[in-house]
Amino acid sequence: MADGIRTARLMLAATGERAAQEEFDQAVLDLQPGEDKRRFCRTRELIAESLRILSPDGYVLRQVSSGSDDPGIALRNMIDGSSEKLAAAVLATNPHTA
């Protein structure tokens, strides 16, 4: 979850979406501790909302400001990392899926 939040912040900063970044940061602060399932779902919703802001056409992220890290690479790394964690969790719960 922390990786996704960090990646969303990086992408918002790289594209110069200051208002969206501040809104995202406040929404993350407003997440209630505990209730991990709800917190996880809400975090995913916040990340998805950020991606919609950064990709108006749904396919390409907005251009990054000069000197910033490429948000596309950060997004790809987040997706790859999440996929690896999900695969490991599925394998741990059902070793016969391999």
PDB file of N, CA and C in Angstrom:
ATOM      1  N   MET A   1       0.826  -1.185   0.000  1.00  0.00           N
ATOM      2  CA  MET A   1       0.000   0.000   0.000  1.00  0.00           C
ATOM      3  C   MET A   1       0.875   1.254   0.000  1.00  0.00           C
ATOM      4  N   ALA A   2       1.931   1.236   0.779  1.00  0.00           N
ATOM      5  CA  ALA A   2       2.818   2.399   0.841  1.00  0.00           C
ATOM      6  C   ALA A   2       3.497   2.644  -0.499  1.00  0.00           C
ATOM      7  N   ASP A   3       3.830   1.567  -1.228  1.00  0.00           N
ATOM      8  CA  ASP A   3       4.448   1.726  -2.547  1.00  0.00           C
ATOM      9  C   ASP A   3       3.498   2.434  -3.509  1.00  0.00           C
ATOM     10  N   GLY A   4       2.225   2.065  -3.465  1.00  0.00           N
ATOM     11  CA  GLY A   4       1.244   2.691  -4.342  1.00  0.00           C
ATOM     12  C   GLY A   4       1.057   4.159  -4.029  1.00  0.00           C
ATOM     13  N   ILE A   5       1.009   4.481  -2.759  1.00  0.00           N
ATOM     14  CA  ILE A   5       0.869   5.879  -2.347  1.00  0.00           C
ATOM     15  C   ILE A   5       2.091   6.675  -2.794  1.00  0.00           C
ATOM     16  N   ARG A   6       3.268   6.121  -2.564  1.00  0.00           N
ATOM     17  CA  ARG A   6       4.510   6.800  -2.951  1.00  0.00           C
ATOM     18  C   ARG A   6       4.548   7.014  -4.470  1.00  0.00           C
ATOM     19  N   THR A   7       4.151   6.003  -5.233  1.00  0.00           N
ATOM     20  CA  THR A   7       4.164   6.111  -6.695  1.00  0.00           C
ATOM     21  C   THR A   7       3.162   7.147  -7.180  1.00  0.00           C
ATOM     22  N   ALA A   8       1.967   7.148  -6.608  1.00  0.00           N
ATOM     23  CA  ALA A   8       0.966   8.140  -7.005  1.00  0.00           C
ATOM     24  C   ALA A   8       1.475   9.546  -6.717  1.00  0.00           C
ATOM     25  N   ARG A   9       2.094   9.740  -5.574  1.00  0.00           N
ATOM     26  CA  ARG A   9       2.648  11.066  -5.246  1.00  0.00           C
ATOM     27  C   ARG A   9       3.732  11.461  -6.241  1.00  0.00           C
ATOM     28  N   LEU A  10       4.598  10.519  -6.589  1.00  0.00           N
ATOM     29  CA  LEU A  10       5.675  10.794  -7.549  1.00  0.00           C
ATOM     30  C   LEU A  10       5.099  11.189  -8.900  1.00  0.00           C
ATOM     31  N   MET A  11       4.067  10.467  -9.342  1.00  0.00           N
ATOM     32  CA  MET A  11       3.476  10.762 -10.646  1.00  0.00           C
ATOM     33  C   MET A  11       2.783  12.120 -10.639  1.00  0.00           C
ATOM     34  N   LEU A  12       2.061  12.427  -9.582  1.00  0.00           N
ATOM     35  CA  LEU A  12       1.398  13.736  -9.495  1.00  0.00           C
ATOM     36  C   LEU A  12       2.422  14.858  -9.463  1.00  0.00           C
ATOM     37  N   ALA A  13       3.506  14.668  -8.729  1.00  0.00           N
ATOM     38  CA  ALA A  13       4.551  15.700  -8.658  1.00  0.00           C
ATOM     39  C   ALA A  13       5.242  15.867 -10.006  1.00  0.00           C
ATOM     40  N   ALA A  14       5.516  14.756 -10.686  1.00  0.00           N
ATOM     41  CA  ALA A  14       6.234  14.810 -11.958  1.00  0.00           C
ATOM     42  C   ALA A  14       5.432  15.508 -13.041  1.00  0.00           C
ATOM     43  N   THR A  15       4.115  15.429 -12.962  1.00  0.00           N
ATOM     44  CA  THR A  15       3.285  16.058 -13.986  1.00  0.00           C
ATOM     45  C   THR A  15       2.845  17.460 -13.604  1.00  0.00           C
ATOM     46  N   GLY A  16       3.238  17.919 -12.415  1.00  0.00           N
ATOM     47  CA  GLY A  16       2.924  19.282 -12.012  1.00  0.00           C
ATOM     48  C   GLY A  16       1.487  19.490 -11.572  1.00  0.00           C
ATOM     49  N   GLU A  17       0.790  18.420 -11.269  1.00  0.00           N
ATOM     50  CA  GLU A  17      -0.609  18.518 -10.822  1.00  0.00           C
ATOM     51  C   GLU A  17      -0.639  18.840  -9.331  1.00  0.00           C
ATOM     52  N   ARG A  18      -0.294  20.059  -8.994  1.00  0.00           N
ATOM     53  CA  ARG A  18      -0.148  20.456  -7.582  1.00  0.00           C
ATOM     54  C   ARG A  18      -1.459  20.339  -6.804  1.00  0.00           C
ATOM     55  N   ALA A  19      -2.549  20.806  -7.371  1.00  0.00           N
ATOM     56  CA  ALA A  19      -3.839  20.743  -6.665  1.00  0.00           C
ATOM     57  C   ALA A  19      -4.248  19.292  -6.437  1.00  0.00           C
ATOM     58  N   ALA A  20      -4.067  18.454  -7.452  1.00  0.00           N
ATOM     59  CA  ALA A  20      -4.410  17.038  -7.314  1.00  0.00           C
ATOM     60  C   ALA A  20      -3.501  16.364  -6.294  1.00  0.00           C
ATOM     61  N   GLN A  21      -2.236  16.777  -6.266  1.00  0.00           N
ATOM     62  CA  GLN A  21      -1.293  16.208  -5.299  1.00  0.00           C
ATOM     63  C   GLN A  21      -1.702  16.576  -3.867  1.00  0.00           C
ATOM     64  N   GLU A  22      -2.083  17.821  -3.657  1.00  0.00           N
ATOM     65  CA  GLU A  22      -2.511  18.245  -2.321  1.00  0.00           C
ATOM     66  C   GLU A  22      -3.794  17.523  -1.902  1.00  0.00           C
ATOM     67  N   GLU A  23      -4.714  17.358  -2.843  1.00  0.00           N
ATOM     68  CA  GLU A  23      -5.963  16.644  -2.557  1.00  0.00           C
ATOM     69  C   GLU A  23      -5.679  15.175  -2.214  1.00  0.00           C
ATOM     70  N   PHE A  24      -4.781  14.556  -2.973  1.00  0.00           N
ATOM     71  CA  PHE A  24      -4.400  13.165  -2.711  1.00  0.00           C
ATOM     72  C   PHE A  24      -3.765  13.037  -1.332  1.00  0.00           C
ATOM     73  N   ASP A  25      -2.825  13.922  -1.025  1.00  0.00           N
ATOM     74  CA  ASP A  25      -2.149  13.876   0.274  1.00  0.00           C
ATOM     75  C   ASP A  25      -3.144  14.025   1.430  1.00  0.00           C
ATOM     76  N   GLN A  26      -4.111  14.936   1.283  1.00  0.00           N
ATOM     77  CA  GLN A  26      -5.102  15.114   2.335  1.00  0.00           C
ATOM     78  C   GLN A  26      -5.983  13.876   2.475  1.00  0.00           C
ATOM     79  N   ALA A  27      -6.371  13.290   1.354  1.00  0.00           N
ATOM     80  CA  ALA A  27      -7.204  12.081   1.397  1.00  0.00           C
ATOM     81  C   ALA A  27      -6.455  10.933   2.065  1.00  0.00           C
ATOM     82  N   VAL A  28      -5.163  10.814   1.802  1.00  0.00           N
ATOM     83  CA  VAL A  28      -4.356   9.769   2.452  1.00  0.00           C
ATOM     84  C   VAL A  28      -4.292  10.028   3.951  1.00  0.00           C
ATOM     85  N   LEU A  29      -4.124  11.276   4.345  1.00  0.00           N
ATOM     86  CA  LEU A  29      -4.098  11.609   5.767  1.00  0.00           C
ATOM     87  C   LEU A  29      -5.434  11.294   6.443  1.00  0.00           C
ATOM     88  N   ASP A  30      -6.521  11.424   5.695  1.00  0.00           N
ATOM     89  CA  ASP A  30      -7.852  11.187   6.245  1.00  0.00           C
ATOM     90  C   ASP A  30      -8.194   9.706   6.390  1.00  0.00           C
ATOM     91  N   LEU A  31      -7.383   8.829   5.801  1.00  0.00           N
ATOM     92  CA  LEU A  31      -7.648   7.394   5.930  1.00  0.00           C
ATOM     93  C   LEU A  31      -7.578   7.004   7.399  1.00  0.00           C
ATOM     94  N   GLN A  32      -8.549   6.280   7.846  1.00  0.00           N
ATOM     95  CA  GLN A  32      -8.610   5.868   9.245  1.00  0.00           C
ATOM     96  C   GLN A  32      -7.680   4.688   9.497  1.00  0.00           C
ATOM     97  N   PRO A  33      -6.925   4.729  10.588  1.00  0.00           N
ATOM     98  CA  PRO A  33      -6.092   3.575  10.920  1.00  0.00           C
ATOM     99  C   PRO A  33      -6.978   2.386  11.283  1.00  0.00           C
ATOM    100  N   GLY A  34      -6.436   1.205  11.154  1.00  0.00           N
ATOM    101  CA  GLY A  34      -7.225   0.007  11.411  1.00  0.00           C
ATOM    102  C   GLY A  34      -8.098  -0.298  10.219  1.00  0.00           C
ATOM    103  N   GLU A  35      -9.012  -1.208  10.385  1.00  0.00           N
ATOM    104  CA  GLU A  35      -9.899  -1.609   9.300  1.00  0.00           C
ATOM    105  C   GLU A  35      -9.108  -1.732   8.000  1.00  0.00           C
ATOM    106  N   ASP A  36      -8.136  -2.630   8.001  1.00  0.00           N
ATOM    107  CA  ASP A  36      -7.198  -2.746   6.888  1.00  0.00           C
ATOM    108  C   ASP A  36      -7.859  -2.949   5.528  1.00  0.00           C
ATOM    109  N   LYS A  37      -8.938  -3.719   5.478  1.00  0.00           N
ATOM    110  CA  LYS A  37      -9.581  -3.968   4.183  1.00  0.00           C
ATOM    111  C   LYS A  37     -10.166  -2.683   3.605  1.00  0.00           C
ATOM    112  N   ARG A  38     -10.839  -1.908   4.433  1.00  0.00           N
ATOM    113  CA  ARG A  38     -11.413  -0.647   3.957  1.00  0.00           C
ATOM    114  C   ARG A  38     -10.320   0.338   3.584  1.00  0.00           C
ATOM    115  N   ARG A  39      -9.294   0.390   4.395  1.00  0.00           N
ATOM    116  CA  ARG A  39      -8.171   1.303   4.124  1.00  0.00           C
ATOM    117  C   ARG A  39      -7.489   0.930   2.813  1.00  0.00           C
ATOM    118  N   PHE A  40      -7.284  -0.381   2.602  1.00  0.00           N
ATOM    119  CA  PHE A  40      -6.664  -0.850   1.368  1.00  0.00           C
ATOM    120  C   PHE A  40      -7.522  -0.458   0.166  1.00  0.00           C
ATOM    121  N   CYS A  41      -8.825  -0.704   0.249  1.00  0.00           N
ATOM    122  CA  CYS A  41      -9.730  -0.375  -0.861  1.00  0.00           C
ATOM    123  C   CYS A  41      -9.739   1.122  -1.132  1.00  0.00           C
ATOM    124  N   ARG A  42      -9.802   1.925  -0.099  1.00  0.00           N
ATOM    125  CA  ARG A  42      -9.828   3.382  -0.280  1.00  0.00           C
ATOM    126  C   ARG A  42      -8.512   3.880  -0.870  1.00  0.00           C
ATOM    127  N   THR A  43      -7.406   3.287  -0.446  1.00  0.00           N
ATOM    128  CA  THR A  43      -6.111   3.679  -1.011  1.00  0.00           C
ATOM    129  C   THR A  43      -6.081   3.379  -2.502  1.00  0.00           C
ATOM    130  N   ARG A  44      -6.574   2.213  -2.887  1.00  0.00           N
ATOM    131  CA  ARG A  44      -6.624   1.856  -4.311  1.00  0.00           C
ATOM    132  C   ARG A  44      -7.520   2.826  -5.082  1.00  0.00           C
ATOM    133  N   GLU A  45      -8.623   3.228  -4.485  1.00  0.00           N
ATOM    134  CA  GLU A  45      -9.505   4.201  -5.134  1.00  0.00           C
ATOM    135  C   GLU A  45      -8.787   5.532  -5.337  1.00  0.00           C
ATOM    136  N   LEU A  46      -8.045   5.966  -4.335  1.00  0.00           N
ATOM    137  CA  LEU A  46      -7.310   7.236  -4.450  1.00  0.00           C
ATOM    138  C   LEU A  46      -6.264   7.163  -5.562  1.00  0.00           C
ATOM    139  N   ILE A  47      -5.580   6.034  -5.650  1.00  0.00           N
ATOM    140  CA  ILE A  47      -4.572   5.861  -6.703  1.00  0.00           C
ATOM    141  C   ILE A  47      -5.247   5.867  -8.070  1.00  0.00           C
ATOM    142  N   ALA A  48      -6.373   5.163  -8.188  1.00  0.00           N
ATOM    143  CA  ALA A  48      -7.103   5.137  -9.462  1.00  0.00           C
ATOM    144  C   ALA A  48      -7.570   6.533  -9.861  1.00  0.00           C
ATOM    145  N   GLU A  49      -8.069   7.298  -8.900  1.00  0.00           N
ATOM    146  CA  GLU A  49      -8.499   8.670  -9.182  1.00  0.00           C
ATOM    147  C   GLU A  49      -7.322   9.507  -9.682  1.00  0.00           C
ATOM    148  N   SER A  50      -6.164   9.322  -9.074  1.00  0.00           N
ATOM    149  CA  SER A  50      -4.969  10.060  -9.499  1.00  0.00           C
ATOM    150  C   SER A  50      -4.580   9.683 -10.923  1.00  0.00           C
ATOM    151  N   LEU A  51      -4.668   8.404 -11.242  1.00  0.00           N
ATOM    152  CA  LEU A  51      -4.339   7.965 -12.602  1.00  0.00           C
ATOM    153  C   LEU A  51      -5.305   8.550 -13.627  1.00  0.00           C
ATOM    154  N   ARG A  52      -6.577   8.673 -13.258  1.00  0.00           N
ATOM    155  CA  ARG A  52      -7.543   9.279 -14.184  1.00  0.00           C
ATOM    156  C   ARG A  52      -7.203  10.751 -14.429  1.00  0.00           C
ATOM    157  N   ILE A  53      -6.731  11.433 -13.416  1.00  0.00           N
ATOM    158  CA  ILE A  53      -6.329  12.831 -13.578  1.00  0.00           C
ATOM    159  C   ILE A  53      -5.112  12.926 -14.499  1.00  0.00           C
ATOM    160  N   LEU A  54      -4.179  12.002 -14.314  1.00  0.00           N
ATOM    161  CA  LEU A  54      -2.922  12.041 -15.064  1.00  0.00           C
ATOM    162  C   LEU A  54      -3.056  11.504 -16.480  1.00  0.00           C
ATOM    163  N   SER A  55      -4.126  10.794 -16.765  1.00  0.00           N
ATOM    164  CA  SER A  55      -4.315  10.209 -18.083  1.00  0.00           C
ATOM    165  C   SER A  55      -5.729  10.497 -18.574  1.00  0.00           C
ATOM    166  N   PRO A  56      -5.973  11.715 -19.043  1.00  0.00           N
ATOM    167  CA  PRO A  56      -7.324  12.087 -19.450  1.00  0.00           C
ATOM    168  C   PRO A  56      -7.909  11.180 -20.528  1.00  0.00           C
ATOM    169  N   ASP A  57      -7.066  10.669 -21.420  1.00  0.00           N
ATOM    170  CA  ASP A  57      -7.575   9.797 -22.479  1.00  0.00           C
ATOM    171  C   ASP A  57      -7.617   8.326 -22.065  1.00  0.00           C
ATOM    172  N   GLY A  58      -7.082   8.028 -20.882  1.00  0.00           N
ATOM    173  CA  GLY A  58      -7.107   6.656 -20.384  1.00  0.00           C
ATOM    174  C   GLY A  58      -5.980   5.777 -20.896  1.00  0.00           C
ATOM    175  N   TYR A  59      -5.087   6.341 -21.710  1.00  0.00           N
ATOM    176  CA  TYR A  59      -4.017   5.541 -22.287  1.00  0.00           C
ATOM    177  C   TYR A  59      -2.620   6.075 -22.005  1.00  0.00           C
ATOM    178  N   VAL A  60      -2.461   7.378 -22.090  1.00  0.00           N
ATOM    179  CA  VAL A  60      -1.136   7.982 -21.990  1.00  0.00           C
ATOM    180  C   VAL A  60      -1.110   8.957 -20.825  1.00  0.00           C
ATOM    181  N   LEU A  61      -0.057   8.878 -20.011  1.00  0.00           N
ATOM    182  CA  LEU A  61       0.109   9.841 -18.928  1.00  0.00           C
ATOM    183  C   LEU A  61       0.520  11.185 -19.505  1.00  0.00           C
ATOM    184  N   ARG A  62       0.091  12.250 -18.855  1.00  0.00           N
ATOM    185  CA  ARG A  62       0.490  13.592 -19.293  1.00  0.00           C
ATOM    186  C   ARG A  62       2.004  13.718 -19.304  1.00  0.00           C
ATOM    187  N   GLN A  63       2.476  14.651 -20.108  1.00  0.00           N
ATOM    188  CA  GLN A  63       3.907  14.915 -20.175  1.00  0.00           C
ATOM    189  C   GLN A  63       4.442  15.321 -18.819  1.00  0.00           C
ATOM    190  N   VAL A  64       5.626  14.871 -18.516  1.00  0.00           N
ATOM    191  CA  VAL A  64       6.244  15.237 -17.250  1.00  0.00           C
ATOM    192  C   VAL A  64       6.986  16.546 -17.410  1.00  0.00           C
ATOM    193  N   SER A  65       7.129  17.247 -16.303  1.00  0.00           N
ATOM    194  CA  SER A  65       7.917  18.471 -16.332  1.00  0.00           C
ATOM    195  C   SER A  65       9.389  18.094 -16.479  1.00  0.00           C
ATOM    196  N   SER A  66      10.156  18.971 -17.061  1.00  0.00           N
ATOM    197  CA  SER A  66      11.557  18.668 -17.302  1.00  0.00           C
ATOM    198  C   SER A  66      12.292  18.421 -15.989  1.00  0.00           C
ATOM    199  N   GLY A  67      13.189  17.452 -16.019  1.00  0.00           N
ATOM    200  CA  GLY A  67      13.979  17.127 -14.837  1.00  0.00           C
ATOM    201  C   GLY A  67      13.290  16.185 -13.880  1.00  0.00           C
ATOM    202  N   SER A  68      12.062  15.768 -14.182  1.00  0.00           N
ATOM    203  CA  SER A  68      11.336  14.868 -13.299  1.00  0.00           C
ATOM    204  C   SER A  68      11.524  13.425 -13.752  1.00  0.00           C
ATOM    205  N   ASP A  69      11.322  12.518 -12.815  1.00  0.00           N
ATOM    206  CA  ASP A  69      11.332  11.108 -13.161  1.00  0.00           C
ATOM    207  C   ASP A  69      10.114  10.813 -14.027  1.00  0.00           C
ATOM    208  N   ASP A  70      10.240   9.820 -14.898  1.00  0.00           N
ATOM    209  CA  ASP A  70       9.145   9.428 -15.773  1.00  0.00           C
ATOM    210  C   ASP A  70       8.076   8.715 -14.955  1.00  0.00           C
ATOM    211  N   PRO A  71       6.870   9.286 -14.858  1.00  0.00           N
ATOM    212  CA  PRO A  71       5.829   8.642 -14.069  1.00  0.00           C
ATOM    213  C   PRO A  71       5.389   7.305 -14.661  1.00  0.00           C
ATOM    214  N   GLY A  72       5.565   7.124 -15.969  1.00  0.00           N
ATOM    215  CA  GLY A  72       5.216   5.858 -16.604  1.00  0.00           C
ATOM    216  C   GLY A  72       6.062   4.716 -16.078  1.00  0.00           C
ATOM    217  N   ILE A  73       7.331   4.981 -15.848  1.00  0.00           N
ATOM    218  CA  ILE A  73       8.220   3.954 -15.301  1.00  0.00           C
ATOM    219  C   ILE A  73       7.833   3.646 -13.863  1.00  0.00           C
ATOM    220  N   ALA A  74       7.527   4.670 -13.097  1.00  0.00           N
ATOM    221  CA  ALA A  74       7.100   4.461 -11.709  1.00  0.00           C
ATOM    222  C   ALA A  74       5.816   3.648 -11.666  1.00  0.00           C
ATOM    223  N   LEU A  75       4.884   3.951 -12.562  1.00  0.00           N
ATOM    224  CA  LEU A  75       3.628   3.206 -12.617  1.00  0.00           C
ATOM    225  C   LEU A  75       3.885   1.748 -12.982  1.00  0.00           C
ATOM    226  N   ARG A  76       4.713   1.523 -13.976  1.00  0.00           N
ATOM    227  CA  ARG A  76       5.041   0.152 -14.392  1.00  0.00           C
ATOM    228  C   ARG A  76       5.678  -0.620 -13.242  1.00  0.00           C
ATOM    229  N   ASN A  77       6.588   0.010 -12.522  1.00  0.00           N
ATOM    230  CA  ASN A  77       7.230  -0.656 -11.384  1.00  0.00           C
ATOM    231  C   ASN A  77       6.223  -0.983 -10.288  1.00  0.00           C
ATOM    232  N   MET A  78       5.263  -0.066 -10.043  1.00  0.00           N
ATOM    233  CA  MET A  78       4.248  -0.316  -9.030  1.00  0.00           C
ATOM    234  C   MET A  78       3.383  -1.510  -9.435  1.00  0.00           C
ATOM    235  N   ILE A  79       2.980  -1.559 -10.691  1.00  0.00           N
ATOM    236  CA  ILE A  79       2.140  -2.662 -11.165  1.00  0.00           C
ATOM    237  C   ILE A  79       2.901  -3.977 -11.106  1.00  0.00           C
ATOM    238  N   ASP A  80       4.154  -3.978 -11.541  1.00  0.00           N
ATOM    239  CA  ASP A  80       4.957  -5.199 -11.486  1.00  0.00           C
ATOM    240  C   ASP A  80       5.124  -5.684 -10.051  1.00  0.00           C
ATOM    241  N   GLY A  81       5.425  -4.769  -9.142  1.00  0.00           N
ATOM    242  CA  GLY A  81       5.602  -5.134  -7.737  1.00  0.00           C
ATOM    243  C   GLY A  81       4.317  -5.676  -7.124  1.00  0.00           C
ATOM    244  N   SER A  82       3.190  -5.030  -7.442  1.00  0.00           N
ATOM    245  CA  SER A  82       1.907  -5.499  -6.925  1.00  0.00           C
ATOM    246  C   SER A  82       1.565  -6.873  -7.476  1.00  0.00           C
ATOM    247  N   SER A  83       1.871  -7.095  -8.747  1.00  0.00           N
ATOM    248  CA  SER A  83       1.597  -8.393  -9.358  1.00  0.00           C
ATOM    249  C   SER A  83       2.426  -9.496  -8.715  1.00  0.00           C
ATOM    250  N   GLU A  84       3.684  -9.196  -8.431  1.00  0.00           N
ATOM    251  CA  GLU A  84       4.549 -10.183  -7.776  1.00  0.00           C
ATOM    252  C   GLU A  84       4.049 -10.508  -6.373  1.00  0.00           C
ATOM    253  N   LYS A  85       3.628  -9.480  -5.632  1.00  0.00           N
ATOM    254  CA  LYS A  85       3.103  -9.705  -4.283  1.00  0.00           C
ATOM    255  C   LYS A  85       1.811 -10.515  -4.328  1.00  0.00           C
ATOM    256  N   LEU A  86       0.942 -10.208  -5.292  1.00  0.00           N
ATOM    257  CA  LEU A  86      -0.304 -10.952  -5.423  1.00  0.00           C
ATOM    258  C   LEU A  86      -0.028 -12.409  -5.769  1.00  0.00           C
ATOM    259  N   ALA A  87       0.888 -12.641  -6.698  1.00  0.00           N
ATOM    260  CA  ALA A  87       1.221 -14.018  -7.074  1.00  0.00           C
ATOM    261  C   ALA A  87       1.773 -14.790  -5.879  1.00  0.00           C
ATOM    262  N   ALA A  88       2.620 -14.149  -5.093  1.00  0.00           N
ATOM    263  CA  ALA A  88       3.181 -14.811  -3.909  1.00  0.00           C
ATOM    264  C   ALA A  88       2.093 -15.114  -2.888  1.00  0.00           C
ATOM    265  N   ALA A  89       1.145 -14.197  -2.720  1.00  0.00           N
ATOM    266  CA  ALA A  89       0.060 -14.413  -1.764  1.00  0.00           C
ATOM    267  C   ALA A  89      -0.842 -15.545  -2.215  1.00  0.00           C
ATOM    268  N   VAL A  90      -1.152 -15.595  -3.509  1.00  0.00           N
ATOM    269  CA  VAL A  90      -1.983 -16.670  -4.034  1.00  0.00           C
ATOM    270  C   VAL A  90      -1.277 -18.009  -3.875  1.00  0.00           C
ATOM    271  N   LEU A  91      -0.014 -18.043  -4.175  1.00  0.00           N
ATOM    272  CA  LEU A  91       0.772 -19.276  -4.048  1.00  0.00           C
ATOM    273  C   LEU A  91       0.853 -19.721  -2.596  1.00  0.00           C
ATOM    274  N   ALA A  92       0.969 -18.775  -1.673  1.00  0.00           N
ATOM    275  CA  ALA A  92       1.060 -19.108  -0.260  1.00  0.00           C
ATOM    276  C   ALA A  92      -0.252 -19.692   0.254  1.00  0.00           C
ATOM    277  N   THR A  93      -1.374 -19.211  -0.277  1.00  0.00           N
ATOM    278  CA  THR A  93      -2.667 -19.717   0.188  1.00  0.00           C
ATOM    279  C   THR A  93      -3.083 -20.993  -0.522  1.00  0.00           C
ATOM    280  N   ASN A  94      -2.567 -21.206  -1.738  1.00  0.00           N
ATOM    281  CA  ASN A  94      -2.905 -22.402  -2.481  1.00  0.00           C
ATOM    282  C   ASN A  94      -1.691 -22.837  -3.300  1.00  0.00           C
ATOM    283  N   PRO A  95      -0.804 -23.647  -2.712  1.00  0.00           N
ATOM    284  CA  PRO A  95       0.425 -24.039  -3.399  1.00  0.00           C
ATOM    285  C   PRO A  95       0.188 -24.853  -4.670  1.00  0.00           C
ATOM    286  N   HIS A  96      -1.002 -25.326  -4.888  1.00  0.00           N
ATOM    287  CA  HIS A  96      -1.307 -26.125  -6.084  1.00  0.00           C
ATOM    288  C   HIS A  96      -1.604 -25.279  -7.314  1.00  0.00           C
ATOM    289  N   THR A  97      -1.566 -23.929  -7.160  1.00  0.00           N
ATOM    290  CA  THR A  97      -1.839 -23.055  -8.299  1.00  0.00           C
ATOM    291  C   THR A  97      -0.608 -22.823  -9.158  1.00  0.00           C
ATOM    292  N   ALA A  98       0.549 -23.227  -8.699  1.00  0.00           N
ATOM    293  CA  ALA A  98       1.793 -22.981  -9.454  1.00  0.00           C
ATOM    294  C   ALA A  98       1.891 -23.827 -10.697  1.00  0.00           C
TER     295      ALA A  98
END
